[in-house]
Each structure stands twice: as C-alpha cells, then as structure tokens.
Amino acid sequence: MPNQRVSKSEFRARAFEFLRRVESSGESLILTDRGRPTLELRPYQADARDPLDILRGSLLRYDNPMDPVAVHDWEAAR
C-alpha cells in the first residue's frame, strides 16, 4: 500500500479498515479531494531523541553581551 491514494468519500465509508491497514503496514495513505491530494495519513513515530539533546551545542554564551563585536566574528551571507 505504498502511498495509496483514496478519495475522502471512500475513506469516510471504510475509515476503520484504512486505519488498521496503515497501522499494521506502516505505509502512508494519501487522501484526495476531487483527485487532488489533500491529506496524508501515516503512523505516528515518536522522536527518540530528547529535545534537550537536539538543542545541545546550538546555543552560544556571551559573558558580556553589551561589548562590541569584531567585524570578523560576523558570518554574513555572501
């Protein structure tokens, strides 16, 4: 069932069947409205990493934030 497309009306009629299929197979389901994809139904996957681990190392510490910054410290978009 990889990326199977189903109309919203068909999904409404057989919702529990589609939910069980997505849950058991792990594949996503694309819901369409008048042939255009509008929603994606996929199994929930928890992020195994701790949010603090994700942020660790991404913050800078400024002991004196009011001091002027040297020009070479700026990384301007080039």
C-alpha atoms as a PDB file:
ATOM      1  CA  MET A   1       0.000   0.000   0.000  1.00  0.00           C
ATOM      2  CA  PRO A   2       2.877   2.477  -0.535  1.00  0.00           C
ATOM      3  CA  ASN A   3       1.378   5.943  -0.992  1.00  0.00           C
ATOM      4  CA  GLN A   4      -2.012   4.525  -1.909  1.00  0.00           C
ATOM      5  CA  ARG A   5      -4.483   7.231  -2.883  1.00  0.00           C
ATOM      6  CA  VAL A   6      -8.056   7.125  -1.618  1.00  0.00           C
ATOM      7  CA  SER A   7     -10.847   9.634  -2.072  1.00  0.00           C
ATOM      8  CA  LYS A   8     -12.262  11.288   1.027  1.00  0.00           C
ATOM      9  CA  SER A   9     -15.673   9.744   0.397  1.00  0.00           C
ATOM     10  CA  GLU A  10     -14.198   6.225   0.137  1.00  0.00           C
ATOM     11  CA  PHE A  11     -12.151   6.852   3.279  1.00  0.00           C
ATOM     12  CA  ARG A  12     -15.259   8.002   5.138  1.00  0.00           C
ATOM     13  CA  ALA A  13     -17.066   4.786   4.230  1.00  0.00           C
ATOM     14  CA  ARG A  14     -14.166   2.471   5.178  1.00  0.00           C
ATOM     15  CA  ALA A  15     -12.195   4.558   7.698  1.00  0.00           C
ATOM     16  CA  PHE A  16     -11.543   1.824  10.266  1.00  0.00           C
ATOM     17  CA  GLU A  17     -10.301  -0.555   7.578  1.00  0.00           C
ATOM     18  CA  PHE A  18      -7.847   2.049   6.249  1.00  0.00           C
ATOM     19  CA  LEU A  19      -6.708   2.995   9.764  1.00  0.00           C
ATOM     20  CA  ARG A  20      -5.952  -0.638  10.614  1.00  0.00           C
ATOM     21  CA  ARG A  21      -4.111  -1.099   7.306  1.00  0.00           C
ATOM     22  CA  VAL A  22      -1.909   1.970   7.856  1.00  0.00           C
ATOM     23  CA  GLU A  23      -1.191   0.915  11.426  1.00  0.00           C
ATOM     24  CA  SER A  24      -0.259  -2.664  10.516  1.00  0.00           C
ATOM     25  CA  SER A  25       1.713  -1.953   7.331  1.00  0.00           C
ATOM     26  CA  GLY A  26       3.439   1.264   8.446  1.00  0.00           C
ATOM     27  CA  GLU A  27       2.825   2.785   4.996  1.00  0.00           C
ATOM     28  CA  SER A  28       1.151   6.142   4.440  1.00  0.00           C
ATOM     29  CA  LEU A  29      -2.207   6.770   2.823  1.00  0.00           C
ATOM     30  CA  ILE A  30      -2.945   9.847   0.690  1.00  0.00           C
ATOM     31  CA  LEU A  31      -6.483  11.222   0.873  1.00  0.00           C
ATOM     32  CA  THR A  32      -7.713  13.050  -2.202  1.00  0.00           C
ATOM     33  CA  ASP A  33     -10.417  15.605  -2.832  1.00  0.00           C
ATOM     34  CA  ARG A  34     -11.607  15.634  -6.446  1.00  0.00           C
ATOM     35  CA  GLY A  35      -8.435  13.821  -7.463  1.00  0.00           C
ATOM     36  CA  ARG A  36      -6.030  16.231  -5.745  1.00  0.00           C
ATOM     37  CA  PRO A  37      -4.011  15.059  -2.740  1.00  0.00           C
ATOM     38  CA  THR A  38      -5.104  16.943   0.364  1.00  0.00           C
ATOM     39  CA  LEU A  39      -4.130  14.870   3.418  1.00  0.00           C
ATOM     40  CA  GLU A  40      -1.610  12.215   4.348  1.00  0.00           C
ATOM     41  CA  LEU A  41      -2.397   9.579   6.952  1.00  0.00           C
ATOM     42  CA  ARG A  42       0.686   7.886   8.355  1.00  0.00           C
ATOM     43  CA  PRO A  43       1.679   6.024  11.506  1.00  0.00           C
ATOM     44  CA  TYR A  44       2.915   8.087  14.426  1.00  0.00           C
ATOM     45  CA  GLN A  45       6.652   7.896  15.006  1.00  0.00           C
ATOM     46  CA  ALA A  46       7.927   9.437  18.205  1.00  0.00           C
ATOM     47  CA  ASP A  47      11.230  11.245  18.013  1.00  0.00           C
ATOM     48  CA  ALA A  48      13.561   9.040  20.020  1.00  0.00           C
ATOM     49  CA  ARG A  49      15.886  11.911  20.835  1.00  0.00           C
ATOM     50  CA  ASP A  50      15.385  14.097  23.869  1.00  0.00           C
ATOM     51  CA  PRO A  51      14.559  17.704  22.863  1.00  0.00           C
ATOM     52  CA  LEU A  52      17.407  18.974  25.033  1.00  0.00           C
ATOM     53  CA  ASP A  53      19.829  16.700  23.175  1.00  0.00           C
ATOM     54  CA  ILE A  54      18.665  18.223  19.903  1.00  0.00           C
ATOM     55  CA  LEU A  55      19.421  21.746  21.175  1.00  0.00           C
ATOM     56  CA  ARG A  56      22.653  20.852  22.961  1.00  0.00           C
ATOM     57  CA  GLY A  57      25.591  22.661  21.369  1.00  0.00           C
ATOM     58  CA  SER A  58      23.421  25.026  19.345  1.00  0.00           C
ATOM     59  CA  LEU A  59      23.455  27.934  21.798  1.00  0.00           C
ATOM     60  CA  LEU A  60      26.263  30.417  22.357  1.00  0.00           C
ATOM     61  CA  ARG A  61      27.173  32.024  25.634  1.00  0.00           C
ATOM     62  CA  TYR A  62      28.020  35.711  25.777  1.00  0.00           C
ATOM     63  CA  ASP A  63      29.641  36.763  29.025  1.00  0.00           C
ATOM     64  CA  ASN A  64      29.462  40.455  28.069  1.00  0.00           C
ATOM     65  CA  PRO A  65      26.648  40.852  25.563  1.00  0.00           C
ATOM     66  CA  MET A  66      26.974  44.645  25.520  1.00  0.00           C
ATOM     67  CA  ASP A  67      30.605  44.566  24.296  1.00  0.00           C
ATOM     68  CA  PRO A  68      31.193  45.416  20.629  1.00  0.00           C
ATOM     69  CA  VAL A  69      31.686  42.512  18.246  1.00  0.00           C
ATOM     70  CA  ALA A  70      34.725  42.365  15.981  1.00  0.00           C
ATOM     71  CA  VAL A  71      33.892  42.523  12.260  1.00  0.00           C
ATOM     72  CA  HIS A  72      35.482  39.138  11.537  1.00  0.00           C
ATOM     73  CA  ASP A  73      33.112  37.499  14.080  1.00  0.00           C
ATOM     74  CA  TRP A  74      30.099  38.193  11.895  1.00  0.00           C
ATOM     75  CA  GLU A  75      29.241  35.493   9.385  1.00  0.00           C
ATOM     76  CA  ALA A  76      27.304  37.474   6.828  1.00  0.00           C
ATOM     77  CA  ALA A  77      25.518  35.784   3.925  1.00  0.00           C
ATOM     78  CA  ARG A  78      27.717  36.112   0.902  1.00  0.00           C
END
